[in-house]
Amino acid sequence: MRELNRWRRFGVVLLAVGTALATSGYIGPGAGAGAIAVLIAVALGVLLLFAGVFWYPIKRMVRSRLGQAPAEEDAGR
């Protein structure tokens, strides 16, 4: 009798673990959309970071070499 109870317990534990692993991978539509929105926001943030760090100083340097006044200097005139 004890041997049968041990196998039943083992079967119940195995069933509980098996179903828990299968259902823990589900992401609801709200959480999935939120995760996608966060990934897009991070990607755009990195893109804008590079634009601010590299593009604008290079554009300013090119304008100064071509002899065009930057927008900050034009605003005071």
N, C-alpha and C. Protein backbone atom coordinates (compact mmCIF):
# COMPACT_ATOMS: atom_id res chain seq x y z
N MET A 1 0.82 -1.20 0.00
CA MET A 1 0.00 0.00 0.00
C MET A 1 0.86 1.26 0.00
N ARG A 2 1.94 1.23 0.78
CA ARG A 2 2.81 2.40 0.83
C ARG A 2 3.46 2.66 -0.54
N GLU A 3 3.80 1.58 -1.22
CA GLU A 3 4.41 1.73 -2.55
C GLU A 3 3.45 2.39 -3.52
N LEU A 4 2.18 2.07 -3.47
CA LEU A 4 1.18 2.68 -4.34
C LEU A 4 1.01 4.16 -4.01
N ASN A 5 0.99 4.52 -2.74
CA ASN A 5 0.87 5.93 -2.35
C ASN A 5 2.08 6.74 -2.81
N ARG A 6 3.24 6.12 -2.75
CA ARG A 6 4.46 6.81 -3.19
C ARG A 6 4.39 7.12 -4.69
N TRP A 7 3.92 6.16 -5.49
CA TRP A 7 3.80 6.38 -6.93
C TRP A 7 2.70 7.40 -7.24
N ARG A 8 1.65 7.41 -6.47
CA ARG A 8 0.59 8.40 -6.67
C ARG A 8 1.12 9.80 -6.37
N ARG A 9 1.83 9.92 -5.27
CA ARG A 9 2.42 11.23 -4.94
C ARG A 9 3.39 11.67 -6.04
N PHE A 10 4.20 10.73 -6.49
CA PHE A 10 5.15 11.05 -7.56
C PHE A 10 4.41 11.51 -8.81
N GLY A 11 3.31 10.83 -9.15
CA GLY A 11 2.53 11.21 -10.32
C GLY A 11 1.88 12.58 -10.16
N VAL A 12 1.38 12.87 -8.98
CA VAL A 12 0.76 14.19 -8.73
C VAL A 12 1.81 15.30 -8.81
N VAL A 13 2.97 15.07 -8.20
CA VAL A 13 4.04 16.07 -8.25
C VAL A 13 4.52 16.26 -9.69
N LEU A 14 4.68 15.17 -10.41
CA LEU A 14 5.11 15.26 -11.81
C LEU A 14 4.09 16.02 -12.65
N LEU A 15 2.83 15.76 -12.44
CA LEU A 15 1.77 16.46 -13.16
C LEU A 15 1.77 17.95 -12.81
N ALA A 16 1.92 18.27 -11.53
CA ALA A 16 1.93 19.67 -11.11
C ALA A 16 3.12 20.42 -11.69
N VAL A 17 4.28 19.81 -11.67
CA VAL A 17 5.48 20.45 -12.22
C VAL A 17 5.37 20.58 -13.73
N GLY A 18 4.85 19.56 -14.39
CA GLY A 18 4.71 19.60 -15.84
C GLY A 18 3.77 20.67 -16.32
N THR A 19 2.66 20.84 -15.63
CA THR A 19 1.71 21.88 -16.04
C THR A 19 2.20 23.27 -15.66
N ALA A 20 2.93 23.37 -14.56
CA ALA A 20 3.45 24.68 -14.16
C ALA A 20 4.48 25.17 -15.17
N LEU A 21 5.33 24.27 -15.67
CA LEU A 21 6.33 24.68 -16.65
C LEU A 21 5.69 25.07 -17.97
N ALA A 22 4.61 24.40 -18.34
CA ALA A 22 3.95 24.70 -19.60
C ALA A 22 3.22 26.05 -19.55
N THR A 23 2.64 26.38 -18.42
CA THR A 23 1.87 27.62 -18.32
C THR A 23 2.72 28.82 -17.95
N SER A 24 3.91 28.60 -17.43
CA SER A 24 4.71 29.75 -17.01
C SER A 24 5.31 30.49 -18.20
N GLY A 25 5.27 29.92 -19.39
CA GLY A 25 5.81 30.58 -20.56
C GLY A 25 4.84 31.50 -21.25
N TYR A 26 3.62 31.59 -20.78
CA TYR A 26 2.60 32.42 -21.42
C TYR A 26 2.77 33.87 -21.01
N ILE A 27 2.75 34.76 -21.97
CA ILE A 27 2.75 36.19 -21.71
C ILE A 27 1.45 36.72 -22.30
N GLY A 28 0.71 37.42 -21.48
CA GLY A 28 -0.57 37.96 -21.94
C GLY A 28 -0.38 39.05 -22.98
N PRO A 29 -1.44 39.42 -23.66
CA PRO A 29 -1.32 40.43 -24.72
C PRO A 29 -0.90 41.79 -24.19
N GLY A 30 -1.33 42.15 -23.00
CA GLY A 30 -0.93 43.44 -22.44
C GLY A 30 0.55 43.49 -22.09
N ALA A 31 1.03 42.42 -21.48
CA ALA A 31 2.45 42.36 -21.11
C ALA A 31 3.32 42.27 -22.36
N GLY A 32 2.87 41.53 -23.37
CA GLY A 32 3.63 41.42 -24.61
C GLY A 32 3.72 42.76 -25.33
N ALA A 33 2.60 43.47 -25.41
CA ALA A 33 2.61 44.78 -26.06
C ALA A 33 3.47 45.77 -25.28
N GLY A 34 3.43 45.68 -23.96
CA GLY A 34 4.27 46.55 -23.14
C GLY A 34 5.74 46.26 -23.34
N ALA A 35 6.09 44.99 -23.44
CA ALA A 35 7.50 44.61 -23.66
C ALA A 35 7.97 45.10 -25.03
N ILE A 36 7.13 44.98 -26.04
CA ILE A 36 7.50 45.47 -27.37
C ILE A 36 7.65 46.99 -27.35
N ALA A 37 6.76 47.69 -26.66
CA ALA A 37 6.86 49.15 -26.57
C ALA A 37 8.14 49.58 -25.87
N VAL A 38 8.53 48.85 -24.83
CA VAL A 38 9.77 49.18 -24.12
C VAL A 38 10.97 48.95 -25.03
N LEU A 39 10.98 47.87 -25.79
CA LEU A 39 12.09 47.60 -26.70
C LEU A 39 12.20 48.69 -27.78
N ILE A 40 11.07 49.12 -28.31
CA ILE A 40 11.08 50.18 -29.31
C ILE A 40 11.58 51.49 -28.69
N ALA A 41 11.14 51.80 -27.48
CA ALA A 41 11.57 53.03 -26.82
C ALA A 41 13.06 53.02 -26.54
N VAL A 42 13.60 51.88 -26.12
CA VAL A 42 15.03 51.78 -25.86
C VAL A 42 15.82 51.95 -27.17
N ALA A 43 15.35 51.33 -28.24
CA ALA A 43 16.03 51.44 -29.53
C ALA A 43 16.02 52.89 -30.03
N LEU A 44 14.88 53.57 -29.90
CA LEU A 44 14.82 54.97 -30.32
C LEU A 44 15.67 55.85 -29.42
N GLY A 45 15.72 55.53 -28.15
CA GLY A 45 16.57 56.30 -27.23
C GLY A 45 18.04 56.18 -27.59
N VAL A 46 18.47 54.98 -27.93
CA VAL A 46 19.87 54.78 -28.35
C VAL A 46 20.14 55.52 -29.66
N LEU A 47 19.20 55.46 -30.58
CA LEU A 47 19.35 56.16 -31.85
C LEU A 47 19.47 57.68 -31.64
N LEU A 48 18.62 58.22 -30.80
CA LEU A 48 18.68 59.66 -30.53
C LEU A 48 19.93 60.04 -29.75
N LEU A 49 20.41 59.14 -28.91
CA LEU A 49 21.67 59.39 -28.20
C LEU A 49 22.81 59.53 -29.19
N PHE A 50 22.89 58.61 -30.14
CA PHE A 50 23.94 58.70 -31.15
C PHE A 50 23.77 59.94 -32.03
N ALA A 51 22.54 60.30 -32.32
CA ALA A 51 22.31 61.50 -33.12
C ALA A 51 22.79 62.73 -32.38
N GLY A 52 22.52 62.80 -31.10
CA GLY A 52 22.94 63.96 -30.32
C GLY A 52 24.43 64.02 -30.10
N VAL A 53 25.05 62.86 -29.94
CA VAL A 53 26.48 62.83 -29.64
C VAL A 53 27.32 63.00 -30.90
N PHE A 54 26.90 62.40 -32.00
CA PHE A 54 27.74 62.41 -33.19
C PHE A 54 27.23 63.33 -34.30
N TRP A 55 25.95 63.28 -34.64
CA TRP A 55 25.45 63.99 -35.81
C TRP A 55 25.52 65.50 -35.65
N TYR A 56 25.03 66.04 -34.57
CA TYR A 56 24.97 67.49 -34.43
C TYR A 56 26.35 68.14 -34.34
N PRO A 57 27.32 67.60 -33.62
CA PRO A 57 28.65 68.20 -33.67
C PRO A 57 29.30 68.14 -35.05
N ILE A 58 29.08 67.05 -35.77
CA ILE A 58 29.63 66.95 -37.13
C ILE A 58 28.95 67.97 -38.04
N LYS A 59 27.63 68.11 -37.92
CA LYS A 59 26.91 69.08 -38.73
C LYS A 59 27.37 70.50 -38.42
N ARG A 60 27.61 70.78 -37.16
CA ARG A 60 28.09 72.10 -36.76
C ARG A 60 29.49 72.37 -37.33
N MET A 61 30.35 71.36 -37.30
CA MET A 61 31.70 71.51 -37.83
C MET A 61 31.66 71.74 -39.34
N VAL A 62 30.81 71.03 -40.05
CA VAL A 62 30.70 71.20 -41.50
C VAL A 62 30.18 72.60 -41.82
N ARG A 63 29.19 73.08 -41.09
CA ARG A 63 28.67 74.42 -41.32
C ARG A 63 29.72 75.49 -41.07
N SER A 64 30.52 75.32 -40.04
CA SER A 64 31.54 76.32 -39.75
C SER A 64 32.64 76.31 -40.81
N ARG A 65 32.95 75.16 -41.36
CA ARG A 65 33.96 75.10 -42.42
C ARG A 65 33.45 75.66 -43.73
N LEU A 66 32.14 75.56 -43.97
CA LEU A 66 31.56 76.12 -45.19
C LEU A 66 31.30 77.61 -45.07
N GLY A 67 31.42 78.16 -43.88
CA GLY A 67 31.23 79.58 -43.69
C GLY A 67 29.81 79.98 -43.36
N GLN A 68 28.94 79.02 -43.16
CA GLN A 68 27.57 79.33 -42.79
C GLN A 68 27.50 79.50 -41.27
N ALA A 69 26.72 80.48 -40.83
CA ALA A 69 26.59 80.72 -39.40
C ALA A 69 25.63 79.70 -38.79
N PRO A 70 25.95 79.18 -37.61
CA PRO A 70 25.02 78.27 -36.94
C PRO A 70 23.72 78.97 -36.56
N ALA A 71 22.70 78.23 -36.29
CA ALA A 71 21.39 78.77 -35.99
C ALA A 71 21.40 79.61 -34.71
N GLU A 72 22.27 79.30 -33.74
CA GLU A 72 22.32 80.07 -32.49
C GLU A 72 22.79 81.50 -32.76
N GLU A 73 23.73 81.64 -33.67
CA GLU A 73 24.26 82.98 -33.95
C GLU A 73 23.24 83.79 -34.79
N ASP A 74 22.48 83.14 -35.63
CA ASP A 74 21.47 83.84 -36.44
C ASP A 74 20.31 84.35 -35.60
N ALA A 75 20.01 83.69 -34.50
CA ALA A 75 18.88 84.06 -33.68
C ALA A 75 19.07 85.42 -33.01
N GLY A 76 20.30 85.82 -32.74
CA GLY A 76 20.56 87.10 -32.08
C GLY A 76 20.55 88.29 -33.03
N ARG A 77 20.57 88.08 -34.30
CA ARG A 77 20.66 89.21 -35.24
C ARG A 77 19.33 89.73 -35.67
